[in-house]
């Protein structure tokens, strides 16, 4: 977490926004595939570094994936998301990250974000549902 804080405080990550969002979304998938719950915090750290600079809805989509993976792995999402939210410099992203686990079940379900689990070759992936 110290490296995460130092990176956030240094700023200058704007040019890496898309890469950080992709990294965070991939961390959600790899956490389950590798049974590595620590990757949930790593993904949240990437979102914290990205700082909600783009469309907040994109960040919330990634939060949904990270939350779903956290629950699958038995991670305490309330604590993990809350600790990570305290690192975020964007008030809006910090709020969304901290409150995500507190949303009503229907509002944090993958279907709410037009996502579903896919198990191709026995490996988890999150795919967009075409409406």
Foldseek 3Di string as FASTA:
>chain_A
DVVLLVLQVVDPCQVCLVVLLVQLLVLLQVCQQVVPLVSLLVSLSSLLSSQCPDPVLSVLLSLLSSVVSCVVSVHPQLVSLLVSLVSHPHPVNSVCSNCQVVDPPVCSHNVVVQWDWDQDVHGTDIDHHDD
